[in-house]
């Protein structure tokens, strides 16, 4: 059966030199895109995000990069989860910034920090955030 398959997954079409070039360029672009997608971190799912956890992360998970000056929590509220439950969640990005408020990156170009899908905040963090979308932690 496998010999009857006319769709080749890795051999360029024969006969047309332009098609061969396009085929090669397409798969090179696809490999590059797959590499970039693989670098995007999957968000952590958090039922209750606490002020204690935010501070713990900034203190204990701080990379050994001298450019880091402070941290930030960026919040995007009002997303709905997919699936049968369809809950409202908040996307949170916790990052380390330099003195100019620019996200710091590692040698591989990846931003230091984490992405989280948060169901709710504890009372202390909720009070600290108020209705802000960006909070700086010094």
C-alpha atoms as a PDB file:
ATOM      1  CA  UNK A   1       0.000   0.000   0.000  1.00  0.00           C
ATOM      2  CA  UNK A   2       2.714   2.463   0.867  1.00  0.00           C
ATOM      3  CA  UNK A   3       4.127   2.104  -2.655  1.00  0.00           C
ATOM      4  CA  UNK A   4       0.817   3.372  -4.112  1.00  0.00           C
ATOM      5  CA  UNK A   5       1.123   6.733  -2.399  1.00  0.00           C
ATOM      6  CA  UNK A   6       1.849   9.348  -5.105  1.00  0.00           C
ATOM      7  CA  UNK A   7       2.318  12.191  -2.611  1.00  0.00           C
ATOM      8  CA  UNK A   8       5.937  12.330  -1.576  1.00  0.00           C
ATOM      9  CA  UNK A   9       6.674  13.988   1.736  1.00  0.00           C
ATOM     10  CA  UNK A  10      10.253  14.938   1.012  1.00  0.00           C
ATOM     11  CA  UNK A  11      11.124  14.588  -2.687  1.00  0.00           C
ATOM     12  CA  UNK A  12      10.750  17.581  -5.007  1.00  0.00           C
ATOM     13  CA  UNK A  13       8.666  17.221  -8.165  1.00  0.00           C
ATOM     14  CA  UNK A  14      10.657  16.212 -11.210  1.00  0.00           C
ATOM     15  CA  UNK A  15      10.661  17.882 -14.601  1.00  0.00           C
ATOM     16  CA  UNK A  16       9.984  21.513 -13.705  1.00  0.00           C
ATOM     17  CA  UNK A  17      13.081  23.330 -12.351  1.00  0.00           C
ATOM     18  CA  UNK A  18      10.986  26.246 -11.033  1.00  0.00           C
ATOM     19  CA  UNK A  19       8.708  23.867  -9.117  1.00  0.00           C
ATOM     20  CA  UNK A  20      11.779  22.182  -7.663  1.00  0.00           C
ATOM     21  CA  UNK A  21      13.145  25.520  -6.404  1.00  0.00           C
ATOM     22  CA  UNK A  22       9.763  26.545  -4.985  1.00  0.00           C
ATOM     23  CA  UNK A  23       9.349  23.163  -3.309  1.00  0.00           C
ATOM     24  CA  UNK A  24      12.772  23.423  -1.677  1.00  0.00           C
ATOM     25  CA  UNK A  25      12.169  27.018  -0.531  1.00  0.00           C
ATOM     26  CA  UNK A  26       8.750  26.102   0.869  1.00  0.00           C
ATOM     27  CA  UNK A  27      10.121  23.295   3.026  1.00  0.00           C
ATOM     28  CA  UNK A  28      13.051  25.426   4.183  1.00  0.00           C
ATOM     29  CA  UNK A  29      10.555  28.103   5.278  1.00  0.00           C
ATOM     30  CA  UNK A  30       8.397  25.440   6.968  1.00  0.00           C
ATOM     31  CA  UNK A  31      11.391  24.103   8.926  1.00  0.00           C
ATOM     32  CA  UNK A  32      12.285  27.638  10.024  1.00  0.00           C
ATOM     33  CA  UNK A  33       8.709  28.313  11.125  1.00  0.00           C
ATOM     34  CA  UNK A  34       8.550  25.037  13.065  1.00  0.00           C
ATOM     35  CA  UNK A  35      11.794  25.992  14.835  1.00  0.00           C
ATOM     36  CA  UNK A  36      10.354  29.397  15.843  1.00  0.00           C
ATOM     37  CA  UNK A  37       7.071  27.865  17.054  1.00  0.00           C
ATOM     38  CA  UNK A  38       8.991  25.353  19.161  1.00  0.00           C
ATOM     39  CA  UNK A  39      10.691  28.265  21.002  1.00  0.00           C
ATOM     40  CA  UNK A  40       7.362  29.739  22.178  1.00  0.00           C
ATOM     41  CA  UNK A  41       6.825  28.587  25.761  1.00  0.00           C
ATOM     42  CA  UNK A  42       3.549  26.937  26.608  1.00  0.00           C
ATOM     43  CA  UNK A  43       1.632  28.907  29.228  1.00  0.00           C
ATOM     44  CA  UNK A  44       1.417  27.489  32.722  1.00  0.00           C
ATOM     45  CA  UNK A  45      -2.127  26.863  33.929  1.00  0.00           C
ATOM     46  CA  UNK A  46      -2.719  28.412  37.371  1.00  0.00           C
ATOM     47  CA  UNK A  47      -5.965  28.074  39.312  1.00  0.00           C
ATOM     48  CA  UNK A  48      -5.160  30.821  41.871  1.00  0.00           C
ATOM     49  CA  UNK A  49      -2.208  33.167  41.334  1.00  0.00           C
ATOM     50  CA  UNK A  50      -0.945  34.643  44.606  1.00  0.00           C
ATOM     51  CA  UNK A  51       1.161  37.669  45.450  1.00  0.00           C
ATOM     52  CA  UNK A  52       3.490  35.285  47.287  1.00  0.00           C
ATOM     53  CA  UNK A  53       4.046  33.274  44.083  1.00  0.00           C
ATOM     54  CA  UNK A  54       4.732  36.406  42.034  1.00  0.00           C
ATOM     55  CA  UNK A  55       7.362  37.555  44.529  1.00  0.00           C
ATOM     56  CA  UNK A  56       8.808  34.039  44.883  1.00  0.00           C
ATOM     57  CA  UNK A  57       9.310  33.816  41.132  1.00  0.00           C
ATOM     58  CA  UNK A  58      11.003  37.216  40.895  1.00  0.00           C
ATOM     59  CA  UNK A  59      13.375  36.345  43.752  1.00  0.00           C
ATOM     60  CA  UNK A  60      14.065  32.627  43.275  1.00  0.00           C
ATOM     61  CA  UNK A  61      13.829  32.306  39.492  1.00  0.00           C
ATOM     62  CA  UNK A  62      15.737  35.477  38.617  1.00  0.00           C
ATOM     63  CA  UNK A  63      18.301  34.688  35.912  1.00  0.00           C
ATOM     64  CA  UNK A  64      21.945  35.529  36.574  1.00  0.00           C
ATOM     65  CA  UNK A  65      21.930  38.349  34.036  1.00  0.00           C
ATOM     66  CA  UNK A  66      23.413  41.677  35.153  1.00  0.00           C
ATOM     67  CA  UNK A  67      21.124  43.597  32.790  1.00  0.00           C
ATOM     68  CA  UNK A  68      18.047  42.699  34.873  1.00  0.00           C
ATOM     69  CA  UNK A  69      16.880  45.663  36.931  1.00  0.00           C
ATOM     70  CA  UNK A  70      13.267  44.836  37.874  1.00  0.00           C
ATOM     71  CA  UNK A  71      10.242  42.799  36.874  1.00  0.00           C
ATOM     72  CA  UNK A  72       6.798  43.313  35.420  1.00  0.00           C
ATOM     73  CA  UNK A  73       3.465  41.538  35.340  1.00  0.00           C
ATOM     74  CA  UNK A  74       1.441  42.168  32.185  1.00  0.00           C
ATOM     75  CA  UNK A  75      -2.208  41.180  32.383  1.00  0.00           C
ATOM     76  CA  UNK A  76      -4.805  40.570  29.669  1.00  0.00           C
ATOM     77  CA  UNK A  77      -8.242  39.839  31.110  1.00  0.00           C
ATOM     78  CA  UNK A  78     -11.432  38.413  29.683  1.00  0.00           C
ATOM     79  CA  UNK A  79     -10.380  35.422  27.608  1.00  0.00           C
ATOM     80  CA  UNK A  80     -12.630  32.390  27.438  1.00  0.00           C
ATOM     81  CA  UNK A  81     -11.253  28.870  27.520  1.00  0.00           C
ATOM     82  CA  UNK A  82     -12.197  26.431  24.828  1.00  0.00           C
ATOM     83  CA  UNK A  83     -13.944  23.205  25.629  1.00  0.00           C
ATOM     84  CA  UNK A  84     -17.060  22.241  27.518  1.00  0.00           C
ATOM     85  CA  UNK A  85     -16.440  24.406  30.614  1.00  0.00           C
ATOM     86  CA  UNK A  86     -15.840  27.735  28.784  1.00  0.00           C
ATOM     87  CA  UNK A  87     -14.403  29.693  31.752  1.00  0.00           C
ATOM     88  CA  UNK A  88     -13.121  33.254  31.809  1.00  0.00           C
ATOM     89  CA  UNK A  89      -9.369  33.356  32.316  1.00  0.00           C
ATOM     90  CA  UNK A  90      -6.611  35.954  32.431  1.00  0.00           C
ATOM     91  CA  UNK A  91      -3.360  35.757  30.494  1.00  0.00           C
ATOM     92  CA  UNK A  92      -0.397  36.894  32.583  1.00  0.00           C
ATOM     93  CA  UNK A  93       3.145  37.465  31.410  1.00  0.00           C
ATOM     94  CA  UNK A  94       5.741  37.760  34.161  1.00  0.00           C
ATOM     95  CA  UNK A  95       9.011  39.116  32.764  1.00  0.00           C
ATOM     96  CA  UNK A  96      12.360  40.533  33.862  1.00  0.00           C
ATOM     97  CA  UNK A  97      13.196  44.025  32.556  1.00  0.00           C
ATOM     98  CA  UNK A  98      16.315  46.139  32.213  1.00  0.00           C
ATOM     99  CA  UNK A  99      16.653  49.714  33.524  1.00  0.00           C
ATOM    100  CA  UNK A 100      14.921  51.028  30.364  1.00  0.00           C
ATOM    101  CA  UNK A 101      11.893  48.751  30.941  1.00  0.00           C
ATOM    102  CA  UNK A 102      12.850  46.476  28.035  1.00  0.00           C
ATOM    103  CA  UNK A 103      12.361  42.706  28.498  1.00  0.00           C
ATOM    104  CA  UNK A 104      15.699  40.962  29.024  1.00  0.00           C
ATOM    105  CA  UNK A 105      16.616  38.017  26.824  1.00  0.00           C
ATOM    106  CA  UNK A 106      18.889  35.053  27.211  1.00  0.00           C
ATOM    107  CA  UNK A 107      21.690  34.201  24.770  1.00  0.00           C
ATOM    108  CA  UNK A 108      19.176  32.163  22.753  1.00  0.00           C
ATOM    109  CA  UNK A 109      16.955  35.238  22.270  1.00  0.00           C
ATOM    110  CA  UNK A 110      14.216  33.950  24.553  1.00  0.00           C
ATOM    111  CA  UNK A 111      12.692  36.519  26.915  1.00  0.00           C
ATOM    112  CA  UNK A 112      13.304  35.787  30.590  1.00  0.00           C
ATOM    113  CA  UNK A 113       9.937  35.121  32.178  1.00  0.00           C
ATOM    114  CA  UNK A 114       6.858  32.983  31.957  1.00  0.00           C
ATOM    115  CA  UNK A 115       3.363  33.001  30.523  1.00  0.00           C
ATOM    116  CA  UNK A 116       0.402  31.878  32.624  1.00  0.00           C
ATOM    117  CA  UNK A 117      -3.275  31.218  32.067  1.00  0.00           C
ATOM    118  CA  UNK A 118      -4.809  32.265  35.383  1.00  0.00           C
ATOM    119  CA  UNK A 119      -8.309  31.478  36.560  1.00  0.00           C
ATOM    120  CA  UNK A 120      -8.289  33.947  39.477  1.00  0.00           C
ATOM    121  CA  UNK A 121      -6.074  36.015  41.793  1.00  0.00           C
ATOM    122  CA  UNK A 122      -5.823  35.803  45.581  1.00  0.00           C
ATOM    123  CA  UNK A 123      -7.183  38.786  47.561  1.00  0.00           C
ATOM    124  CA  UNK A 124      -3.750  40.330  48.175  1.00  0.00           C
ATOM    125  CA  UNK A 125      -2.694  40.242  44.523  1.00  0.00           C
ATOM    126  CA  UNK A 126      -6.133  41.359  43.350  1.00  0.00           C
ATOM    127  CA  UNK A 127      -5.954  44.410  45.666  1.00  0.00           C
ATOM    128  CA  UNK A 128      -2.431  45.212  44.464  1.00  0.00           C
ATOM    129  CA  UNK A 129      -3.409  44.958  40.804  1.00  0.00           C
ATOM    130  CA  UNK A 130      -6.665  46.944  41.042  1.00  0.00           C
ATOM    131  CA  UNK A 131      -7.664  47.399  37.391  1.00  0.00           C
ATOM    132  CA  UNK A 132      -4.146  47.836  36.056  1.00  0.00           C
ATOM    133  CA  UNK A 133      -2.852  45.874  33.055  1.00  0.00           C
ATOM    134  CA  UNK A 134       0.807  46.404  33.860  1.00  0.00           C
ATOM    135  CA  UNK A 135       2.461  46.317  37.282  1.00  0.00           C
ATOM    136  CA  UNK A 136       6.163  46.977  37.843  1.00  0.00           C
ATOM    137  CA  UNK A 137       7.933  45.131  40.681  1.00  0.00           C
ATOM    138  CA  UNK A 138      11.155  46.729  41.953  1.00  0.00           C
END
